[in-house]
C-alpha cells in the first residue's frame, strides 16, 4: 500500500506517464525497505506519532514536497535491450551427432 501512496505522490509531481513508463517499482520498493529498517533503529517510536495525527491535506502536502526532492535517476527503469537472434548451429554431415548412450554401449562390446 505504501508503494501505491508514494507512486501517487510522484505522479502528482512528475505525471502518471512518468510513473508508468520510467519509474522502477523494484528500486522504489528496495529503497523503502532499506530506509524503513534504518529509520526504525535510529528514530524513536514517539517521533512517529505526528504522522498518525496528520490530516489528509497536510499529509498530501508533505508527500508532494518529499516527491519534489526525489533523485529520479536512482529510480529509473533499466529496460532490457532487444534480444540477439540465436545463431543457427552448424553441423558437419561427416560427423553427425551420436548419443552418449550409444557411445557407452559401443565401448562395452
Protein backbone atom coordinates (compact mmCIF):
# COMPACT_ATOMS: atom_id res chain seq x y z
CA UNK A 1 0.00 0.00 0.00
CA UNK A 2 2.81 2.41 0.84
CA UNK A 3 4.31 1.93 -2.63
CA UNK A 4 0.98 2.97 -4.17
CA UNK A 5 0.84 6.09 -1.98
CA UNK A 6 4.39 7.05 -2.90
CA UNK A 7 3.75 6.41 -6.60
CA UNK A 8 0.65 8.62 -6.40
CA UNK A 9 2.70 11.42 -4.81
CA UNK A 10 5.36 11.09 -7.52
CA UNK A 11 2.67 11.03 -10.22
CA UNK A 12 1.26 14.25 -8.76
CA UNK A 13 4.59 15.97 -9.35
CA UNK A 14 6.02 14.29 -12.45
CA UNK A 15 2.88 12.88 -14.08
CA UNK A 16 1.29 9.47 -14.35
CA UNK A 17 3.11 8.80 -17.64
CA UNK A 18 6.48 9.09 -15.86
CA UNK A 19 5.39 6.67 -13.14
CA UNK A 20 4.05 4.13 -15.65
CA UNK A 21 6.90 4.27 -18.15
CA UNK A 22 10.05 5.31 -16.30
CA UNK A 23 9.71 4.67 -12.55
CA UNK A 24 11.03 1.32 -11.36
CA UNK A 25 8.78 -0.28 -8.77
CA UNK A 26 11.67 -2.59 -7.83
CA UNK A 27 14.08 0.23 -7.00
CA UNK A 28 11.34 2.13 -5.17
CA UNK A 29 10.39 -0.87 -3.00
CA UNK A 30 14.06 -1.64 -2.32
CA UNK A 31 14.67 1.93 -1.16
CA UNK A 32 11.59 1.88 1.07
CA UNK A 33 12.58 -1.38 2.77
CA UNK A 34 16.19 -0.32 3.34
CA UNK A 35 15.26 3.13 4.61
CA UNK A 36 12.50 1.77 6.83
CA UNK A 37 14.87 -0.58 8.65
CA UNK A 38 17.33 2.22 9.34
CA UNK A 39 14.66 4.67 10.44
CA UNK A 40 13.18 2.17 12.88
CA UNK A 41 16.60 1.82 14.50
CA UNK A 42 17.57 5.50 14.51
CA UNK A 43 14.26 7.21 15.33
CA UNK A 44 12.28 6.58 18.50
CA UNK A 45 8.64 5.42 18.11
CA UNK A 46 7.37 8.56 19.85
CA UNK A 47 8.68 10.67 16.96
CA UNK A 48 6.32 8.90 14.52
CA UNK A 49 3.15 9.93 16.37
CA UNK A 50 3.00 13.22 14.46
CA UNK A 51 2.33 11.31 11.22
CA UNK A 52 -0.60 9.45 12.77
CA UNK A 53 -2.19 12.75 13.74
CA UNK A 54 -1.77 14.49 10.37
CA UNK A 55 -4.92 15.31 8.47
CA UNK A 56 -5.18 14.39 4.80
CA UNK A 57 -4.30 17.80 3.30
CA UNK A 58 -1.07 18.34 5.30
CA UNK A 59 0.00 14.73 4.65
CA UNK A 60 -0.55 15.14 0.90
CA UNK A 61 1.43 18.39 1.01
CA UNK A 62 4.29 16.69 2.83
CA UNK A 63 4.35 13.79 0.39
CA UNK A 64 4.38 16.17 -2.58
CA UNK A 65 7.23 18.15 -1.01
CA UNK A 66 9.23 14.97 -0.50
CA UNK A 67 8.46 13.78 -4.04
CA UNK A 68 9.88 17.05 -5.45
CA UNK A 69 13.21 16.26 -3.78
CA UNK A 70 13.37 12.74 -5.22
CA UNK A 71 16.53 11.88 -7.10
CA UNK A 72 14.85 10.49 -10.21
CA UNK A 73 17.96 8.88 -11.68
CA UNK A 74 18.07 6.42 -8.76
CA UNK A 75 14.60 5.10 -9.54
CA UNK A 76 14.53 4.92 -13.34
CA UNK A 77 13.75 1.66 -15.08
CA UNK A 78 16.55 -0.01 -16.99
CA UNK A 79 14.68 -1.81 -19.75
CA UNK A 80 16.33 -4.76 -21.39
CA UNK A 81 17.57 -4.15 -24.90
CA UNK A 82 16.46 -6.24 -27.85
CA UNK A 83 17.49 -9.88 -27.77
CA UNK A 84 20.12 -11.00 -30.23
CA UNK A 85 18.94 -13.58 -32.74
CA UNK A 86 20.05 -17.11 -31.96
CA UNK A 87 22.74 -18.27 -34.35
CA UNK A 88 21.90 -21.41 -36.28
CA UNK A 89 24.06 -24.33 -35.26
CA UNK A 90 26.48 -25.61 -37.81
CA UNK A 91 26.69 -29.36 -38.16
CA UNK A 92 29.14 -31.44 -40.13
CA UNK A 93 27.43 -34.19 -42.16
CA UNK A 94 30.64 -36.25 -41.98
CA UNK A 95 30.47 -36.42 -38.17
CA UNK A 96 26.82 -36.43 -37.14
CA UNK A 97 25.78 -36.31 -33.52
CA UNK A 98 25.95 -39.57 -31.63
CA UNK A 99 24.13 -40.00 -28.34
CA UNK A 100 26.10 -40.68 -25.19
CA UNK A 101 24.14 -43.89 -24.61
CA UNK A 102 25.28 -45.25 -27.97
CA UNK A 103 28.92 -44.37 -27.23
CA UNK A 104 28.78 -46.15 -23.86
CA UNK A 105 27.07 -49.20 -25.40
CA UNK A 106 29.71 -49.45 -28.13
CA UNK A 107 32.54 -49.37 -25.55
CA UNK A 108 31.01 -52.21 -23.54
CA UNK A 109 31.07 -54.53 -26.58
